[in-house]
Amino acid sequence: QMSRHALLYTEMVTAPAVIHGDRDRLLGFDAAEHPVALQLGGSDPAEL
C-alpha cells in the first residue's frame, strides 16, 4: 500500500518445509503483493 514498485520478500522458508509442510500457509499470498519473491533456505540441490 506504500509502494507499487518495490520488490517484497517473504520470510525465509526451508526447502523441506515447502516440500512436506502446509503449502497454502507457507506460500500463499495476495495477488496485490506482486512483485514478490520467495526466499528459500537449504543446501540440497534436489530439494531446492
All heavy atoms as atom14 arrays in JSON, in Angstrom:
{
  "sequence": "QMSRHALLYTEMVTAPAVIHGDRDRLLGFDAAEHPVALQLGGSDPAEL",
  "atom14_mask": [
    [1, 1, 1, 1, 1, 1, 1, 1, 1, 0, 0, 0, 0, 0],
    [1, 1, 1, 1, 1, 1, 1, 1, 0, 0, 0, 0, 0, 0],
    [1, 1, 1, 1, 1, 1, 0, 0, 0, 0, 0, 0, 0, 0],
    [1, 1, 1, 1, 1, 1, 1, 1, 1, 1, 1, 0, 0, 0],
    [1, 1, 1, 1, 1, 1, 1, 1, 1, 1, 0, 0, 0, 0],
    [1, 1, 1, 1, 1, 0, 0, 0, 0, 0, 0, 0, 0, 0],
    [1, 1, 1, 1, 1, 1, 1, 1, 0, 0, 0, 0, 0, 0],
    [1, 1, 1, 1, 1, 1, 1, 1, 0, 0, 0, 0, 0, 0],
    [1, 1, 1, 1, 1, 1, 1, 1, 1, 1, 1, 1, 0, 0],
    [1, 1, 1, 1, 1, 1, 1, 0, 0, 0, 0, 0, 0, 0],
    [1, 1, 1, 1, 1, 1, 1, 1, 1, 0, 0, 0, 0, 0],
    [1, 1, 1, 1, 1, 1, 1, 1, 0, 0, 0, 0, 0, 0],
    [1, 1, 1, 1, 1, 1, 1, 0, 0, 0, 0, 0, 0, 0],
    [1, 1, 1, 1, 1, 1, 1, 0, 0, 0, 0, 0, 0, 0],
    [1, 1, 1, 1, 1, 0, 0, 0, 0, 0, 0, 0, 0, 0],
    [1, 1, 1, 1, 1, 1, 1, 0, 0, 0, 0, 0, 0, 0],
    [1, 1, 1, 1, 1, 0, 0, 0, 0, 0, 0, 0, 0, 0],
    [1, 1, 1, 1, 1, 1, 1, 0, 0, 0, 0, 0, 0, 0],
    [1, 1, 1, 1, 1, 1, 1, 1, 0, 0, 0, 0, 0, 0],
    [1, 1, 1, 1, 1, 1, 1, 1, 1, 1, 0, 0, 0, 0],
    [1, 1, 1, 1, 0, 0, 0, 0, 0, 0, 0, 0, 0, 0],
    [1, 1, 1, 1, 1, 1, 1, 1, 0, 0, 0, 0, 0, 0],
    [1, 1, 1, 1, 1, 1, 1, 1, 1, 1, 1, 0, 0, 0],
    [1, 1, 1, 1, 1, 1, 1, 1, 0, 0, 0, 0, 0, 0],
    [1, 1, 1, 1, 1, 1, 1, 1, 1, 1, 1, 0, 0, 0],
    [1, 1, 1, 1, 1, 1, 1, 1, 0, 0, 0, 0, 0, 0],
    [1, 1, 1, 1, 1, 1, 1, 1, 0, 0, 0, 0, 0, 0],
    [1, 1, 1, 1, 0, 0, 0, 0, 0, 0, 0, 0, 0, 0],
    [1, 1, 1, 1, 1, 1, 1, 1, 1, 1, 1, 0, 0, 0],
    [1, 1, 1, 1, 1, 1, 1, 1, 0, 0, 0, 0, 0, 0],
    [1, 1, 1, 1, 1, 0, 0, 0, 0, 0, 0, 0, 0, 0],
    [1, 1, 1, 1, 1, 0, 0, 0, 0, 0, 0, 0, 0, 0],
    [1, 1, 1, 1, 1, 1, 1, 1, 1, 0, 0, 0, 0, 0],
    [1, 1, 1, 1, 1, 1, 1, 1, 1, 1, 0, 0, 0, 0],
    [1, 1, 1, 1, 1, 1, 1, 0, 0, 0, 0, 0, 0, 0],
    [1, 1, 1, 1, 1, 1, 1, 0, 0, 0, 0, 0, 0, 0],
    [1, 1, 1, 1, 1, 0, 0, 0, 0, 0, 0, 0, 0, 0],
    [1, 1, 1, 1, 1, 1, 1, 1, 0, 0, 0, 0, 0, 0],
    [1, 1, 1, 1, 1, 1, 1, 1, 1, 0, 0, 0, 0, 0],
    [1, 1, 1, 1, 1, 1, 1, 1, 0, 0, 0, 0, 0, 0],
    [1, 1, 1, 1, 0, 0, 0, 0, 0, 0, 0, 0, 0, 0],
    [1, 1, 1, 1, 0, 0, 0, 0, 0, 0, 0, 0, 0, 0],
    [1, 1, 1, 1, 1, 1, 0, 0, 0, 0, 0, 0, 0, 0],
    [1, 1, 1, 1, 1, 1, 1, 1, 0, 0, 0, 0, 0, 0],
    [1, 1, 1, 1, 1, 1, 1, 0, 0, 0, 0, 0, 0, 0],
    [1, 1, 1, 1, 1, 0, 0, 0, 0, 0, 0, 0, 0, 0],
    [1, 1, 1, 1, 1, 1, 1, 1, 1, 0, 0, 0, 0, 0],
    [1, 1, 1, 1, 1, 1, 1, 1, 0, 0, 0, 0, 0, 0]
  ],
  "atom14_positions": [
    [[0.82, -1.21, 0.0], [0.0, 0.0, 0.0], [0.86, 1.26, 0.0], [0.37, 2.35, -0.32], [-0.94, 0.02, 1.21], [-1.82, -1.2, 1.38], [-2.44, -1.66, 0.08], [-3.17, -0.91, -0.57], [-2.18, -2.9, -0.3], [0.0, 0.0, 0.0], [0.0, 0.0, 0.0], [0.0, 0.0, 0.0], [0.0, 0.0, 0.0], [0.0, 0.0, 0.0]],
    [[2.13, 1.12, 0.35], [3.02, 2.27, 0.4], [3.89, 2.41, -0.85], [4.37, 3.5, -1.16], [3.9, 2.18, 1.65], [3.11, 2.38, 2.93], [4.14, 2.37, 4.41], [3.95, 0.68, 4.9], [0.0, 0.0, 0.0], [0.0, 0.0, 0.0], [0.0, 0.0, 0.0], [0.0, 0.0, 0.0], [0.0, 0.0, 0.0], [0.0, 0.0, 0.0]],
    [[4.1, 1.33, -1.54], [4.89, 1.37, -2.78], [4.34, 0.36, -3.78], [4.21, -0.82, -3.45], [6.37, 1.05, -2.5], [7.08, 0.88, -3.72], [0.0, 0.0, 0.0], [0.0, 0.0, 0.0], [0.0, 0.0, 0.0], [0.0, 0.0, 0.0], [0.0, 0.0, 0.0], [0.0, 0.0, 0.0], [0.0, 0.0, 0.0], [0.0, 0.0, 0.0]],
    [[4.04, 0.82, -4.95], [3.57, -0.08, -6.01], [4.72, -0.86, -6.63], [4.5, -1.9, -7.25], [2.88, 0.73, -7.12], [1.54, 1.36, -6.73], [0.99, 2.19, -7.89], [0.97, 1.41, -9.13], [1.15, 1.92, -10.34], [1.43, 3.21, -10.48], [1.09, 1.17, -11.41], [0.0, 0.0, 0.0], [0.0, 0.0, 0.0], [0.0, 0.0, 0.0]],
    [[5.93, -0.35, -6.51], [7.05, -0.88, -7.31], [8.07, -1.69, -6.52], [8.72, -2.57, -7.1], [7.76, 0.28, -8.01], [6.92, 1.0, -9.0], [6.59, 0.5, -10.22], [6.31, 2.22, -8.91], [5.83, 1.35, -10.88], [5.64, 2.41, -10.1], [0.0, 0.0, 0.0], [0.0, 0.0, 0.0], [0.0, 0.0, 0.0], [0.0, 0.0, 0.0]],
    [[8.29, -1.38, -5.26], [9.36, -2.05, -4.5], [9.17, -3.56, -4.48], [8.04, -4.06, -4.43], [9.4, -1.51, -3.08], [0.0, 0.0, 0.0], [0.0, 0.0, 0.0], [0.0, 0.0, 0.0], [0.0, 0.0, 0.0], [0.0, 0.0, 0.0], [0.0, 0.0, 0.0], [0.0, 0.0, 0.0], [0.0, 0.0, 0.0], [0.0, 0.0, 0.0]],
    [[10.26, -4.28, -4.54], [10.24, -5.74, -4.51], [10.13, -6.2, -3.06], [10.92, -5.79, -2.2], [11.53, -6.28, -5.14], [11.75, -7.79, -5.12], [10.6, -8.54, -5.78], [13.07, -8.13, -5.81], [0.0, 0.0, 0.0], [0.0, 0.0, 0.0], [0.0, 0.0, 0.0], [0.0, 0.0, 0.0], [0.0, 0.0, 0.0], [0.0, 0.0, 0.0]],
    [[9.16, -7.05, -2.78], [8.92, -7.54, -1.43], [9.34, -8.99, -1.32], [9.13, -9.78, -2.25], [7.43, -7.4, -1.07], [6.84, -6.0, -1.22], [5.35, -6.01, -0.86], [7.6, -4.98, -0.37], [0.0, 0.0, 0.0], [0.0, 0.0, 0.0], [0.0, 0.0, 0.0], [0.0, 0.0, 0.0], [0.0, 0.0, 0.0], [0.0, 0.0, 0.0]],
    [[9.91, -9.36, -0.18], [10.38, -10.72, 0.06], [9.59, -11.37, 1.19], [9.22, -10.73, 2.16], [11.87, -10.73, 0.43], [12.79, -10.57, -0.76], [13.04, -9.32, -1.29], [13.39, -11.68, -1.36], [13.88, -9.16, -2.4], [14.22, -11.54, -2.46], [14.46, -10.28, -2.97], [15.28, -10.12, -4.05], [0.0, 0.0, 0.0], [0.0, 0.0, 0.0]],
    [[9.41, -12.67, 1.06], [8.8, -13.45, 2.14], [9.81, -13.64, 3.27], [11.01, -13.36, 3.12], [8.4, -14.84, 1.66], [9.58, -15.61, 1.36], [7.52, -14.78, 0.42], [0.0, 0.0, 0.0], [0.0, 0.0, 0.0], [0.0, 0.0, 0.0], [0.0, 0.0, 0.0], [0.0, 0.0, 0.0], [0.0, 0.0, 0.0], [0.0, 0.0, 0.0]],
    [[9.34, -14.14, 4.38], [10.24, -14.72, 5.36], [10.95, -15.91, 4.71], [10.46, -16.5, 3.75], [9.46, -15.25, 6.57], [8.59, -14.24, 7.26], [7.64, -14.91, 8.23], [8.05, -15.11, 9.39], [6.5, -15.23, 7.85], [0.0, 0.0, 0.0], [0.0, 0.0, 0.0], [0.0, 0.0, 0.0], [0.0, 0.0, 0.0], [0.0, 0.0, 0.0]],
    [[12.13, -16.28, 5.24], [12.78, -17.47, 4.73], [11.94, -18.71, 5.06], [11.47, -18.88, 6.18], [14.17, -17.65, 5.33], [14.92, -18.83, 4.74], [16.41, -19.27, 5.67], [15.69, -19.94, 7.16], [0.0, 0.0, 0.0], [0.0, 0.0, 0.0], [0.0, 0.0, 0.0], [0.0, 0.0, 0.0], [0.0, 0.0, 0.0], [0.0, 0.0, 0.0]],
    [[11.79, -19.57, 4.06], [11.12, -20.86, 4.24], [12.1, -21.94, 3.79], [12.73, -21.82, 2.73], [9.83, -20.95, 3.4], [9.09, -22.24, 3.69], [8.93, -19.75, 3.65], [0.0, 0.0, 0.0], [0.0, 0.0, 0.0], [0.0, 0.0, 0.0], [0.0, 0.0, 0.0], [0.0, 0.0, 0.0], [0.0, 0.0, 0.0], [0.0, 0.0, 0.0]],
    [[12.28, -22.98, 4.58], [13.22, -24.03, 4.2], [12.62, -24.89, 3.08], [11.4, -25.07, 2.99], [13.59, -24.94, 5.37], [12.44, -25.68, 5.79], [14.13, -24.11, 6.53], [0.0, 0.0, 0.0], [0.0, 0.0, 0.0], [0.0, 0.0, 0.0], [0.0, 0.0, 0.0], [0.0, 0.0, 0.0], [0.0, 0.0, 0.0], [0.0, 0.0, 0.0]],
    [[13.5, -25.42, 2.26], [13.04, -26.28, 1.17], [12.27, -27.49, 1.69], [11.21, -27.83, 1.14], [14.23, -26.7, 0.31], [0.0, 0.0, 0.0], [0.0, 0.0, 0.0], [0.0, 0.0, 0.0], [0.0, 0.0, 0.0], [0.0, 0.0, 0.0], [0.0, 0.0, 0.0], [0.0, 0.0, 0.0], [0.0, 0.0, 0.0], [0.0, 0.0, 0.0]],
    [[12.73, -28.19, 2.74], [11.94, -29.32, 3.24], [10.56, -28.91, 3.72], [9.58, -29.66, 3.56], [12.8, -29.85, 4.4], [14.19, -29.46, 4.06], [14.05, -28.12, 3.4], [0.0, 0.0, 0.0], [0.0, 0.0, 0.0], [0.0, 0.0, 0.0], [0.0, 0.0, 0.0], [0.0, 0.0, 0.0], [0.0, 0.0, 0.0], [0.0, 0.0, 0.0]],
    [[10.43, -27.71, 4.32], [9.11, -27.25, 4.76], [8.18, -27.05, 3.57], [6.99, -27.4, 3.63], [9.24, -25.97, 5.56], [0.0, 0.0, 0.0], [0.0, 0.0, 0.0], [0.0, 0.0, 0.0], [0.0, 0.0, 0.0], [0.0, 0.0, 0.0], [0.0, 0.0, 0.0], [0.0, 0.0, 0.0], [0.0, 0.0, 0.0], [0.0, 0.0, 0.0]],
    [[8.71, -26.5, 2.5], [7.89, -26.32, 1.3], [7.43, -27.67, 0.75], [6.27, -27.84, 0.35], [8.68, -25.54, 0.22], [7.94, -25.56, -1.11], [8.94, -24.11, 0.69], [0.0, 0.0, 0.0], [0.0, 0.0, 0.0], [0.0, 0.0, 0.0], [0.0, 0.0, 0.0], [0.0, 0.0, 0.0], [0.0, 0.0, 0.0], [0.0, 0.0, 0.0]],
    [[8.32, -28.63, 0.76], [8.01, -29.94, 0.17], [7.02, -30.71, 1.02], [6.08, -31.32, 0.5], [9.32, -30.74, -0.04], [10.21, -30.04, -1.07], [9.02, -32.17, -0.47], [11.63, -30.57, -1.11], [0.0, 0.0, 0.0], [0.0, 0.0, 0.0], [0.0, 0.0, 0.0], [0.0, 0.0, 0.0], [0.0, 0.0, 0.0], [0.0, 0.0, 0.0]],
    [[7.21, -30.67, 2.34], [6.43, -31.55, 3.22], [5.39, -30.82, 4.06], [4.55, -31.47, 4.69], [7.38, -32.3, 4.16], [8.45, -33.08, 3.46], [8.17, -34.18, 2.68], [9.8, -32.91, 3.4], [9.3, -34.66, 2.18], [10.3, -33.91, 2.6], [0.0, 0.0, 0.0], [0.0, 0.0, 0.0], [0.0, 0.0, 0.0], [0.0, 0.0, 0.0]],
    [[5.43, -29.49, 4.12], [4.57, -28.75, 5.03], [3.27, -28.29, 4.42], [2.87, -28.72, 3.32], [0.0, 0.0, 0.0], [0.0, 0.0, 0.0], [0.0, 0.0, 0.0], [0.0, 0.0, 0.0], [0.0, 0.0, 0.0], [0.0, 0.0, 0.0], [0.0, 0.0, 0.0], [0.0, 0.0, 0.0], [0.0, 0.0, 0.0], [0.0, 0.0, 0.0]],
    [[2.59, -27.41, 5.13], [1.32, -26.83, 4.7], [1.62, -25.72, 3.69], [1.91, -24.59, 4.06], [0.58, -26.28, 5.92], [-0.78, -25.69, 5.58], [-1.04, -25.42, 4.39], [-1.6, -25.51, 6.51], [0.0, 0.0, 0.0], [0.0, 0.0, 0.0], [0.0, 0.0, 0.0], [0.0, 0.0, 0.0], [0.0, 0.0, 0.0], [0.0, 0.0, 0.0]],
    [[1.53, -26.06, 2.43], [1.98, -25.13, 1.4], [1.13, -23.86, 1.33], [1.65, -22.77, 1.11], [2.01, -25.83, 0.05], [3.04, -26.95, -0.01], [2.96, -27.73, -1.31], [3.88, -28.88, -1.29], [3.93, -29.79, -2.24], [3.12, -29.71, -3.3], [4.79, -30.8, -2.14], [0.0, 0.0, 0.0], [0.0, 0.0, 0.0], [0.0, 0.0, 0.0]],
    [[-0.16, -24.0, 1.5], [-1.02, -22.82, 1.45], [-0.65, -21.84, 2.56], [-0.62, -20.62, 2.35], [-2.49, -23.2, 1.55], [-3.01, -23.87, 0.29], [-2.43, -23.61, -0.8], [-3.96, -24.66, 0.37], [0.0, 0.0, 0.0], [0.0, 0.0, 0.0], [0.0, 0.0, 0.0], [0.0, 0.0, 0.0], [0.0, 0.0, 0.0], [0.0, 0.0, 0.0]],
    [[-0.36, -22.35, 3.74], [0.01, -21.47, 4.85], [1.39, -20.87, 4.63], [1.61, -19.68, 4.9], [0.0, -22.26, 6.17], [0.36, -21.42, 7.4], [0.34, -22.25, 8.67], [1.34, -23.3, 8.66], [2.63, -23.1, 8.98], [3.07, -21.89, 9.3], [3.48, -24.12, 8.95], [0.0, 0.0, 0.0], [0.0, 0.0, 0.0], [0.0, 0.0, 0.0]],
    [[2.32, -21.67, 4.15], [3.7, -21.21, 4.0], [3.89, -20.32, 2.78], [4.72, -19.4, 2.8], [4.64, -22.42, 3.89], [4.81, -23.27, 5.15], [5.56, -24.55, 4.8], [5.54, -22.49, 6.24], [0.0, 0.0, 0.0], [0.0, 0.0, 0.0], [0.0, 0.0, 0.0], [0.0, 0.0, 0.0], [0.0, 0.0, 0.0], [0.0, 0.0, 0.0]],
    [[3.16, -20.59, 1.71], [3.45, -19.95, 0.43], [2.34, -19.04, -0.08], [2.56, -18.28, -1.02], [3.75, -21.0, -0.64], [4.92, -21.94, -0.38], [5.07, -22.93, -1.53], [6.22, -21.17, -0.18], [0.0, 0.0, 0.0], [0.0, 0.0, 0.0], [0.0, 0.0, 0.0], [0.0, 0.0, 0.0], [0.0, 0.0, 0.0], [0.0, 0.0, 0.0]],
    [[1.15, -19.12, 0.5], [0.04, -18.34, 0.0], [0.27, -16.84, 0.14], [0.87, -16.38, 1.11], [0.0, 0.0, 0.0], [0.0, 0.0, 0.0], [0.0, 0.0, 0.0], [0.0, 0.0, 0.0], [0.0, 0.0, 0.0], [0.0, 0.0, 0.0], [0.0, 0.0, 0.0], [0.0, 0.0, 0.0], [0.0, 0.0, 0.0], [0.0, 0.0, 0.0]],
    [[-0.2, -16.09, -0.84], [-0.09, -14.64, -0.77], [-1.19, -14.01, -1.61], [-1.82, -14.67, -2.45], [1.3, -14.15, -1.21], [1.64, -14.4, -2.66], [1.39, -13.45, -3.63], [2.23, -15.61, -3.05], [1.71, -13.68, -4.96], [2.55, -15.85, -4.37], [2.29, -14.89, -5.34], [0.0, 0.0, 0.0], [0.0, 0.0, 0.0], [0.0, 0.0, 0.0]],
    [[-1.42, -12.73, -1.39], [-2.42, -11.98, -2.12], [-1.83, -11.49, -3.44], [-0.68, -11.04, -3.48], [-2.9, -10.79, -1.28], [-4.13, -10.12, -1.83], [-4.02, -9.48, -2.9], [-5.2, -10.23, -1.2], [0.0, 0.0, 0.0], [0.0, 0.0, 0.0], [0.0, 0.0, 0.0], [0.0, 0.0, 0.0], [0.0, 0.0, 0.0], [0.0, 0.0, 0.0]],
    [[-2.61, -11.54, -4.51], [-2.12, -11.11, -5.82], [-1.64, -9.66, -5.8], [-0.78, -9.27, -6.6], [-3.2, -11.3, -6.87], [0.0, 0.0, 0.0], [0.0, 0.0, 0.0], [0.0, 0.0, 0.0], [0.0, 0.0, 0.0], [0.0, 0.0, 0.0], [0.0, 0.0, 0.0], [0.0, 0.0, 0.0], [0.0, 0.0, 0.0], [0.0, 0.0, 0.0]],
    [[-2.18, -8.85, -4.88], [-1.78, -7.44, -4.79], [-0.33, -7.28, -4.37], [0.24, -6.19, -4.51], [-2.68, -6.7, -3.81], [0.0, 0.0, 0.0], [0.0, 0.0, 0.0], [0.0, 0.0, 0.0], [0.0, 0.0, 0.0], [0.0, 0.0, 0.0], [0.0, 0.0, 0.0], [0.0, 0.0, 0.0], [0.0, 0.0, 0.0], [0.0, 0.0, 0.0]],
    [[0.3, -8.35, -3.85], [1.67, -8.23, -3.36], [2.71, -8.17, -4.47], [3.85, -7.79, -4.22], [2.0, -9.4, -2.43], [1.19, -9.43, -1.15], [1.45, -10.69, -0.34], [2.6, -11.17, -0.34], [0.49, -11.21, 0.26], [0.0, 0.0, 0.0], [0.0, 0.0, 0.0], [0.0, 0.0, 0.0], [0.0, 0.0, 0.0], [0.0, 0.0, 0.0]],
    [[2.39, -8.57, -5.68], [3.38, -8.55, -6.76], [3.96, -7.15, -6.95], [3.24, -6.17, -6.82], [2.73, -8.99, -8.08], [2.36, -10.44, -8.14], [3.28, -11.45, -8.19], [1.14, -11.04, -8.17], [2.65, -12.63, -8.25], [1.35, -12.4, -8.23], [0.0, 0.0, 0.0], [0.0, 0.0, 0.0], [0.0, 0.0, 0.0], [0.0, 0.0, 0.0]],
    [[5.28, -7.08, -7.26], [6.25, -8.17, -7.39], [6.71, -8.68, -6.01], [7.07, -7.9, -5.15], [7.41, -7.54, -8.15], [7.31, -6.08, -7.8], [5.85, -5.78, -7.62], [0.0, 0.0, 0.0], [0.0, 0.0, 0.0], [0.0, 0.0, 0.0], [0.0, 0.0, 0.0], [0.0, 0.0, 0.0], [0.0, 0.0, 0.0], [0.0, 0.0, 0.0]],
    [[6.7, -10.02, -5.88], [7.03, -10.64, -4.6], [7.93, -11.85, -4.84], [7.75, -12.6, -5.81], [5.75, -11.05, -3.83], [4.9, -12.03, -4.62], [6.07, -11.59, -2.45], [0.0, 0.0, 0.0], [0.0, 0.0, 0.0], [0.0, 0.0, 0.0], [0.0, 0.0, 0.0], [0.0, 0.0, 0.0], [0.0, 0.0, 0.0], [0.0, 0.0, 0.0]],
    [[8.92, -12.01, -3.97], [9.91, -13.08, -4.11], [9.86, -13.98, -2.89], [9.65, -13.52, -1.76], [11.32, -12.5, -4.25], [0.0, 0.0, 0.0], [0.0, 0.0, 0.0], [0.0, 0.0, 0.0], [0.0, 0.0, 0.0], [0.0, 0.0, 0.0], [0.0, 0.0, 0.0], [0.0, 0.0, 0.0], [0.0, 0.0, 0.0], [0.0, 0.0, 0.0]],
    [[10.07, -15.27, -3.12], [10.18, -16.24, -2.04], [11.64, -16.48, -1.73], [12.45, -16.75, -2.63], [9.53, -17.57, -2.46], [9.76, -18.74, -1.49], [8.96, -18.53, -0.21], [9.38, -20.08, -2.14], [0.0, 0.0, 0.0], [0.0, 0.0, 0.0], [0.0, 0.0, 0.0], [0.0, 0.0, 0.0], [0.0, 0.0, 0.0], [0.0, 0.0, 0.0]],
    [[12.01, -16.4, -0.45], [13.36, -16.78, -0.05], [13.35, -18.19, 0.5], [12.61, -18.52, 1.43], [13.95, -15.85, 1.0], [15.43, -16.21, 1.25], [16.1, -15.35, 2.28], [15.76, -15.4, 3.45], [17.08, -14.56, 1.85], [0.0, 0.0, 0.0], [0.0, 0.0, 0.0], [0.0, 0.0, 0.0], [0.0, 0.0, 0.0], [0.0, 0.0, 0.0]],
    [[14.19, -19.04, -0.09], [14.34, -20.42, 0.34], [15.63, -20.6, 1.12], [16.64, -19.95, 0.84], [14.36, -21.37, -0.87], [13.06, -21.59, -1.62], [13.31, -22.47, -2.85], [12.01, -22.24, -0.72], [0.0, 0.0, 0.0], [0.0, 0.0, 0.0], [0.0, 0.0, 0.0], [0.0, 0.0, 0.0], [0.0, 0.0, 0.0], [0.0, 0.0, 0.0]],
    [[15.59, -21.51, 2.09], [16.78, -21.95, 2.8], [17.02, -23.42, 2.52], [16.08, -24.21, 2.5], [0.0, 0.0, 0.0], [0.0, 0.0, 0.0], [0.0, 0.0, 0.0], [0.0, 0.0, 0.0], [0.0, 0.0, 0.0], [0.0, 0.0, 0.0], [0.0, 0.0, 0.0], [0.0, 0.0, 0.0], [0.0, 0.0, 0.0], [0.0, 0.0, 0.0]],
    [[18.26, -23.79, 2.3], [18.59, -25.18, 2.06], [19.97, -25.31, 1.45], [20.6, -24.3, 1.08], [0.0, 0.0, 0.0], [0.0, 0.0, 0.0], [0.0, 0.0, 0.0], [0.0, 0.0, 0.0], [0.0, 0.0, 0.0], [0.0, 0.0, 0.0], [0.0, 0.0, 0.0], [0.0, 0.0, 0.0], [0.0, 0.0, 0.0], [0.0, 0.0, 0.0]],
    [[20.42, -26.53, 1.33], [21.73, -26.78, 0.71], [21.74, -28.05, -0.11], [22.8, -28.48, -0.56], [22.82, -26.85, 1.79], [22.55, -27.9, 2.71], [0.0, 0.0, 0.0], [0.0, 0.0, 0.0], [0.0, 0.0, 0.0], [0.0, 0.0, 0.0], [0.0, 0.0, 0.0], [0.0, 0.0, 0.0], [0.0, 0.0, 0.0], [0.0, 0.0, 0.0]],
    [[20.57, -28.65, -0.31], [20.46, -29.86, -1.13], [19.9, -29.45, -2.49], [18.76, -29.01, -2.58], [19.56, -30.88, -0.46], [19.43, -32.16, -1.27], [18.71, -32.15, -2.29], [20.04, -33.16, -0.9], [0.0, 0.0, 0.0], [0.0, 0.0, 0.0], [0.0, 0.0, 0.0], [0.0, 0.0, 0.0], [0.0, 0.0, 0.0], [0.0, 0.0, 0.0]],
    [[20.69, -29.58, -3.57], [20.22, -29.11, -4.87], [18.9, -29.72, -5.31], [18.03, -29.02, -5.85], [21.37, -29.5, -5.82], [22.59, -29.52, -4.95], [22.1, -30.04, -3.62], [0.0, 0.0, 0.0], [0.0, 0.0, 0.0], [0.0, 0.0, 0.0], [0.0, 0.0, 0.0], [0.0, 0.0, 0.0], [0.0, 0.0, 0.0], [0.0, 0.0, 0.0]],
    [[18.71, -31.02, -5.06], [17.47, -31.67, -5.49], [16.28, -31.13, -4.71], [15.2, -30.87, -5.28], [17.58, -33.18, -5.32], [0.0, 0.0, 0.0], [0.0, 0.0, 0.0], [0.0, 0.0, 0.0], [0.0, 0.0, 0.0], [0.0, 0.0, 0.0], [0.0, 0.0, 0.0], [0.0, 0.0, 0.0], [0.0, 0.0, 0.0], [0.0, 0.0, 0.0]],
    [[16.44, -30.96, -3.39], [15.35, -30.4, -2.58], [15.03, -28.97, -3.0], [13.85, -28.59, -3.11], [15.73, -30.42, -1.1], [15.6, -31.76, -0.42], [15.8, -31.66, 1.08], [16.38, -30.66, 1.55], [15.37, -32.59, 1.78], [0.0, 0.0, 0.0], [0.0, 0.0, 0.0], [0.0, 0.0, 0.0], [0.0, 0.0, 0.0], [0.0, 0.0, 0.0]],
    [[16.05, -28.17, -3.23], [15.83, -26.78, -3.62], [15.14, -26.7, -4.98], [14.28, -25.84, -5.2], [17.15, -26.02, -3.63], [17.69, -25.67, -2.25], [19.16, -25.26, -2.33], [16.88, -24.53, -1.61], [0.0, 0.0, 0.0], [0.0, 0.0, 0.0], [0.0, 0.0, 0.0], [0.0, 0.0, 0.0], [0.0, 0.0, 0.0], [0.0, 0.0, 0.0]]
  ]
}
